[in-house]
Amino acid sequence: MSWINDVVRPKIKSLLNKREVPENLWIKDPESGELVFLRDLEANHYVVPNSGYHMRMSAPKRLAHFFDAGRYEAIPLPEVAVDPLKFRDERRYTDRLKDARTKTGLQDAVLVGAGFVEGVPLVAAVQDFDFMGGSLGMAAGEAVIAGMEAALQRQQPFVMFAASGGARMQEGILSLMQLPRTTAGVIALREAKLPYIVVLTNPTTGGVTASYAMLGDIQIAEPGALIGFAGPRVIEQTIREKLPEGFQRSEYLHAHGMVDMVVHRHELRSTIARLCALLGPKVEVAAEPQGALAVVA
């Protein structure tokens, strides 16, 4: 009996109480196949240390990494009709929205914040690809416009981090109407002589590329980002020709004059701060952000 108490029962308890290893403890590099420890990846701003591959970042993490000390003021975003077309394919659109909101913790694909980057005040908007592929619908369009209006009110530069698969088909023509609406916002920034800087991240395609993502005063791309209207596979099937090596990637577009510069994620803050200080309205650079809301990603 002592053998059961001393050996068998403790063994059973140890098996029952065994802690499970989190599934996302290691992340696989899509380029090299290397396994990277998640904490090392986070500490390196989601850039794989050895290959330099730029992983996608969520909108909250992107803003927290971008603004000084991770502090920014969240810009209020207007509410829109949830399902104006009562759309349904294999599933109801409202169910897809609910799943995306649960997965990301966001109300829609765009998050907007205002704060300081190396002491320079600016407004930034980020598209989150994990929210239905960063697709552009009414809510996302309203968020981009709200960010532009905040920049106009504050007389500050506006920075757009684009990441999208294009327009949101579940909203039909209402989604496509966001293209001219956001373009009008870009024109308003230009008339106010406020810098509009676009950072093209992986991937930026479809209607977003056909509108505000390619209208920046300065076009910056992260290394290796896929940028274009249609995907390379669709183009190859259409023209029935093999595309050049690296076609539609940041470096190819830079070499052919489609983007102004390709900037490593570690250098984005200093590059954008320098551009805003040069192109923007003359303001006193703050040593410490004042009155910004602390946000924990």
Protein backbone atom coordinates (compact mmCIF):
# COMPACT_ATOMS: atom_id res chain seq x y z
CA MET A 1 0.00 0.00 0.00
CA SER A 2 2.89 2.33 0.76
CA TRP A 3 4.19 1.75 -2.77
CA ILE A 4 0.89 3.06 -4.20
CA ASN A 5 0.95 6.13 -1.93
CA ASP A 6 4.65 6.87 -2.37
CA VAL A 7 5.09 6.16 -6.10
CA VAL A 8 1.88 5.70 -8.08
CA ARG A 9 -0.19 8.60 -6.72
CA PRO A 10 2.59 11.22 -7.01
CA LYS A 11 3.23 10.06 -10.60
CA ILE A 12 -0.45 10.42 -11.50
CA LYS A 13 -0.62 13.87 -9.87
CA SER A 14 2.45 15.03 -11.77
CA LEU A 15 0.89 13.94 -15.06
CA LEU A 16 -2.42 15.68 -14.27
CA ASN A 17 -0.73 18.89 -13.15
CA LYS A 18 1.72 19.03 -16.05
CA ARG A 19 1.84 22.52 -17.56
CA GLU A 20 1.19 22.79 -21.28
CA VAL A 21 3.77 24.60 -23.40
CA PRO A 22 2.18 27.53 -25.27
CA GLU A 23 1.77 26.81 -28.99
CA ASN A 24 3.13 30.21 -30.02
CA LEU A 25 6.33 30.03 -27.97
CA TRP A 26 8.32 29.70 -31.22
CA ILE A 27 7.63 31.43 -34.53
CA LYS A 28 8.74 30.03 -37.89
CA ASP A 29 10.48 32.40 -40.28
CA PRO A 30 8.50 32.18 -43.58
CA GLU A 31 11.66 32.91 -45.57
CA SER A 32 14.30 30.61 -44.07
CA GLY A 33 12.21 28.20 -42.00
CA GLU A 34 14.20 29.13 -38.89
CA LEU A 35 12.41 28.86 -35.54
CA VAL A 36 12.66 32.09 -33.53
CA PHE A 37 11.84 32.47 -29.86
CA LEU A 38 8.78 34.73 -29.58
CA ARG A 39 10.30 36.99 -26.92
CA ASP A 40 13.41 37.54 -29.06
CA LEU A 41 11.18 38.40 -32.02
CA GLU A 42 9.15 40.89 -29.96
CA ALA A 43 12.30 42.51 -28.60
CA ASN A 44 13.55 42.91 -32.19
CA HIS A 45 10.34 44.66 -33.35
CA TYR A 46 9.17 41.49 -35.13
CA VAL A 47 12.17 41.37 -37.44
CA VAL A 48 13.76 37.91 -37.66
CA PRO A 49 17.33 38.48 -36.35
CA ASN A 50 19.24 36.30 -38.83
CA SER A 51 17.31 36.70 -42.09
CA GLY A 52 16.00 40.23 -41.52
CA TYR A 53 12.51 39.12 -42.57
CA HIS A 54 9.91 41.66 -41.46
CA MET A 55 6.98 39.87 -39.81
CA ARG A 56 3.56 41.50 -39.69
CA MET A 57 2.75 43.56 -36.60
CA SER A 58 -0.66 44.15 -35.05
CA ALA A 59 -1.94 47.73 -35.04
CA PRO A 60 -1.62 48.21 -31.24
CA LYS A 61 1.95 46.84 -31.22
CA ARG A 62 2.89 48.94 -34.24
CA LEU A 63 1.71 52.15 -32.55
CA ALA A 64 3.36 51.20 -29.25
CA HIS A 65 6.69 50.57 -31.02
CA PHE A 66 6.37 53.71 -33.14
CA PHE A 67 5.58 56.41 -30.59
CA ASP A 68 8.05 57.59 -27.95
CA ALA A 69 7.96 55.36 -24.85
CA GLY A 70 4.95 53.56 -26.35
CA ARG A 71 2.71 56.45 -25.33
CA TYR A 72 0.00 57.87 -27.59
CA GLU A 73 -3.47 59.33 -27.51
CA ALA A 74 -6.08 57.13 -29.18
CA ILE A 75 -8.08 59.15 -31.71
CA PRO A 76 -11.86 58.48 -31.37
CA LEU A 77 -13.25 56.75 -34.45
CA PRO A 78 -16.80 57.25 -35.76
CA GLU A 79 -19.34 54.44 -35.72
CA VAL A 80 -20.79 53.14 -38.98
CA ALA A 81 -23.56 50.75 -40.03
CA VAL A 82 -22.41 47.23 -39.18
CA ASP A 83 -23.90 45.30 -42.11
CA PRO A 84 -25.49 47.78 -44.55
CA LEU A 85 -26.02 45.21 -47.34
CA LYS A 86 -27.11 42.28 -45.09
CA PHE A 87 -24.39 40.32 -46.87
CA ARG A 88 -24.06 36.57 -46.62
CA ASP A 89 -21.93 34.04 -48.47
CA GLU A 90 -20.87 30.85 -46.69
CA ARG A 91 -21.34 32.78 -43.44
CA ARG A 92 -23.04 35.98 -42.40
CA TYR A 93 -20.89 39.11 -42.57
CA THR A 94 -21.80 39.95 -38.97
CA ASP A 95 -20.36 36.60 -37.85
CA ARG A 96 -17.11 37.27 -39.71
CA LEU A 97 -16.87 40.69 -38.06
CA LYS A 98 -17.48 39.17 -34.64
CA ASP A 99 -14.71 36.61 -35.16
CA ALA A 100 -12.26 39.28 -36.37
CA ARG A 101 -13.03 41.50 -33.37
CA THR A 102 -12.53 38.60 -30.97
CA LYS A 103 -9.25 37.62 -32.66
CA THR A 104 -7.68 41.10 -32.77
CA GLY A 105 -9.41 43.03 -29.98
CA LEU A 106 -10.11 45.80 -32.50
CA GLN A 107 -13.41 47.19 -33.75
CA ASP A 108 -12.14 47.26 -37.33
CA ALA A 109 -9.01 47.17 -39.45
CA VAL A 110 -7.59 50.65 -38.73
CA LEU A 111 -6.30 52.13 -35.47
CA VAL A 112 -5.32 55.81 -35.12
CA GLY A 113 -3.13 57.51 -32.52
CA ALA A 114 -1.45 60.85 -31.90
CA GLY A 115 1.80 61.37 -30.04
CA PHE A 116 5.50 62.11 -30.40
CA VAL A 117 8.17 60.36 -32.46
CA GLU A 118 11.63 61.42 -31.33
CA GLY A 119 9.98 64.55 -29.98
CA VAL A 120 8.13 65.41 -33.21
CA PRO A 121 4.32 65.57 -32.82
CA LEU A 122 2.31 63.68 -35.43
CA VAL A 123 -0.77 61.56 -36.08
CA ALA A 124 -0.44 57.97 -37.31
CA ALA A 125 -2.91 55.37 -38.59
CA VAL A 126 -2.19 51.64 -38.87
CA GLN A 127 -4.01 48.96 -40.84
CA ASP A 128 -4.11 45.58 -39.13
CA PHE A 129 -3.90 42.74 -41.66
CA ASP A 130 -5.16 40.25 -39.10
CA PHE A 131 -8.55 41.99 -39.19
CA MET A 132 -10.13 40.49 -42.33
CA GLY A 133 -6.94 41.00 -44.32
CA GLY A 134 -6.82 44.72 -43.50
CA SER A 135 -9.69 45.15 -45.96
CA LEU A 136 -11.05 48.62 -46.57
CA GLY A 137 -14.69 49.02 -45.59
CA MET A 138 -16.73 51.93 -44.29
CA ALA A 139 -15.33 51.72 -40.75
CA ALA A 140 -11.72 51.57 -41.97
CA GLY A 141 -12.34 54.45 -44.39
CA GLU A 142 -13.88 56.56 -41.63
CA ALA A 143 -10.91 55.78 -39.39
CA VAL A 144 -8.39 56.93 -42.02
CA ILE A 145 -10.38 60.12 -42.59
CA ALA A 146 -10.67 60.70 -38.82
CA GLY A 147 -6.88 60.47 -38.60
CA MET A 148 -6.45 62.97 -41.41
CA GLU A 149 -8.94 65.36 -39.81
CA ALA A 150 -7.10 65.07 -36.49
CA ALA A 151 -3.85 65.95 -38.26
CA LEU A 152 -5.54 68.98 -39.86
CA GLN A 153 -6.95 70.18 -36.53
CA ARG A 154 -3.60 69.77 -34.78
CA GLN A 155 -1.59 71.05 -37.77
CA GLN A 156 0.61 67.97 -37.58
CA PRO A 157 1.99 65.50 -40.14
CA PHE A 158 -0.01 62.36 -40.89
CA VAL A 159 1.67 58.95 -41.23
CA MET A 160 -0.18 55.99 -42.75
CA PHE A 161 1.01 52.40 -42.23
CA ALA A 162 -0.72 50.50 -45.02
CA ALA A 163 -1.33 46.74 -44.97
CA SER A 164 -4.29 45.40 -46.88
CA GLY A 165 -5.67 42.87 -49.31
CA GLY A 166 -7.92 45.55 -50.84
CA ALA A 167 -11.57 46.59 -50.63
CA ARG A 168 -14.02 44.63 -48.44
CA MET A 169 -16.32 42.79 -50.80
CA GLN A 170 -19.03 42.32 -48.16
CA GLU A 171 -19.72 46.06 -48.35
CA GLY A 172 -19.76 46.30 -52.14
CA ILE A 173 -19.97 49.80 -53.62
CA LEU A 174 -19.89 51.32 -50.12
CA SER A 175 -16.39 49.93 -49.73
CA LEU A 176 -15.28 51.28 -53.11
CA MET A 177 -16.58 54.73 -52.17
CA GLN A 178 -13.85 54.92 -49.52
CA LEU A 179 -11.26 55.27 -52.30
CA PRO A 180 -12.36 58.76 -53.44
CA ARG A 181 -13.26 59.79 -49.88
CA THR A 182 -9.79 59.04 -48.52
CA THR A 183 -8.24 60.63 -51.61
CA ALA A 184 -10.15 63.82 -50.79
CA GLY A 185 -8.60 63.66 -47.31
CA VAL A 186 -5.12 63.46 -48.85
CA ILE A 187 -5.90 66.53 -50.96
CA ALA A 188 -6.99 68.43 -47.82
CA LEU A 189 -3.65 67.60 -46.14
CA ARG A 190 -1.79 68.75 -49.23
CA GLU A 191 -3.71 72.05 -49.37
CA ALA A 192 -2.88 72.63 -45.69
CA LYS A 193 0.80 71.94 -46.51
CA LEU A 194 0.97 69.12 -43.96
CA PRO A 195 3.24 66.16 -44.76
CA TYR A 196 1.51 62.90 -45.65
CA ILE A 197 3.93 59.99 -45.32
CA VAL A 198 2.98 56.44 -46.30
CA VAL A 199 4.74 53.33 -45.01
CA LEU A 200 3.95 50.36 -47.25
CA THR A 201 4.12 47.10 -45.30
CA ASN A 202 3.65 43.49 -46.33
CA PRO A 203 1.25 43.15 -48.10
CA THR A 204 -0.33 46.30 -49.57
CA THR A 205 -2.57 45.45 -52.51
CA GLY A 206 -5.92 46.08 -54.19
CA GLY A 207 -8.02 49.19 -53.77
CA VAL A 208 -5.83 50.53 -50.97
CA THR A 209 -2.88 50.64 -53.38
CA ALA A 210 -5.18 52.31 -55.90
CA SER A 211 -5.96 55.15 -53.49
CA TYR A 212 -4.32 56.65 -50.39
CA ALA A 213 -1.47 54.12 -50.13
CA MET A 214 0.24 55.52 -53.25
CA LEU A 215 -0.53 59.21 -52.73
CA GLY A 216 2.02 60.07 -50.07
CA ASP A 217 4.38 63.01 -50.30
CA ILE A 218 7.00 60.45 -49.34
CA GLN A 219 6.53 56.75 -50.11
CA ILE A 220 8.44 54.46 -47.73
CA ALA A 221 8.41 50.67 -47.96
CA GLU A 222 9.57 48.05 -45.49
CA PRO A 223 12.06 45.52 -46.90
CA GLY A 224 10.54 42.65 -48.87
CA ALA A 225 6.97 43.97 -48.77
CA LEU A 226 4.56 42.86 -51.50
CA ILE A 227 3.09 45.99 -53.09
CA GLY A 228 0.75 46.13 -56.06
CA PHE A 229 -2.84 46.16 -57.28
CA ALA A 230 -3.25 42.53 -58.34
CA GLY A 231 -1.07 39.70 -57.06
CA PRO A 232 1.83 38.36 -59.18
CA ARG A 233 0.10 35.02 -59.76
CA VAL A 234 -2.98 36.75 -61.20
CA ILE A 235 -0.80 38.91 -63.44
CA GLU A 236 1.15 35.90 -64.73
CA GLN A 237 -2.07 34.06 -65.54
CA THR A 238 -3.43 37.12 -67.33
CA ILE A 239 -0.43 38.05 -69.48
CA ARG A 240 0.87 34.44 -69.69
CA GLU A 241 4.44 35.51 -69.11
CA LYS A 242 6.96 34.89 -66.36
CA LEU A 243 7.42 37.98 -64.19
CA PRO A 244 10.89 39.34 -63.32
CA GLU A 245 12.59 38.20 -60.12
CA GLY A 246 11.38 40.20 -57.13
CA PHE A 247 8.51 41.76 -59.08
CA GLN A 248 6.19 43.86 -56.87
CA ARG A 249 8.57 43.69 -53.93
CA SER A 250 9.81 46.84 -52.19
CA GLU A 251 13.31 46.71 -53.64
CA TYR A 252 12.03 46.20 -57.21
CA LEU A 253 9.59 49.11 -56.89
CA HIS A 254 12.31 51.33 -55.44
CA ALA A 255 14.63 50.50 -58.32
CA HIS A 256 11.85 51.42 -60.78
CA GLY A 257 10.84 54.68 -59.10
CA MET A 258 7.56 53.59 -57.53
CA VAL A 259 8.66 54.19 -53.92
CA ASP A 260 11.08 56.78 -52.58
CA MET A 261 12.98 54.64 -50.10
CA VAL A 262 13.14 51.19 -48.51
CA VAL A 263 13.70 51.55 -44.77
CA HIS A 264 14.42 48.86 -42.19
CA ARG A 265 11.90 48.80 -39.35
CA HIS A 266 14.58 49.71 -36.82
CA GLU A 267 15.22 52.95 -38.71
CA LEU A 268 11.62 53.96 -39.39
CA ARG A 269 11.19 56.15 -36.32
CA SER A 270 14.29 58.25 -36.94
CA THR A 271 13.61 58.49 -40.70
CA ILE A 272 9.99 59.60 -40.28
CA ALA A 273 10.84 62.04 -37.48
CA ARG A 274 13.52 63.62 -39.67
CA LEU A 275 11.17 63.89 -42.66
CA CYS A 276 8.36 65.40 -40.56
CA ALA A 277 10.74 67.93 -39.02
CA LEU A 278 11.96 68.93 -42.49
CA LEU A 279 8.62 69.00 -44.32
CA GLY A 280 6.15 69.84 -41.58
CA PRO A 281 5.11 73.10 -39.93
CA LYS A 282 7.78 74.59 -37.70
CA VAL A 283 7.02 73.42 -34.17
CA GLU A 284 9.07 73.21 -31.01
CA VAL A 285 10.31 69.66 -30.61
CA ALA A 286 9.32 68.29 -27.21
CA ALA A 287 11.94 66.57 -25.09
CA GLU A 288 9.24 64.54 -23.31
CA PRO A 289 5.73 63.73 -24.57
CA GLN A 290 3.23 65.81 -22.64
CA GLY A 291 -0.31 64.71 -21.94
CA ALA A 292 -0.17 61.56 -24.02
CA LEU A 293 -2.19 58.54 -22.99
CA ALA A 294 -0.09 55.53 -21.96
CA VAL A 295 -1.11 52.49 -23.98
CA VAL A 296 0.08 48.96 -23.29
CA ALA A 297 0.05 46.77 -26.37
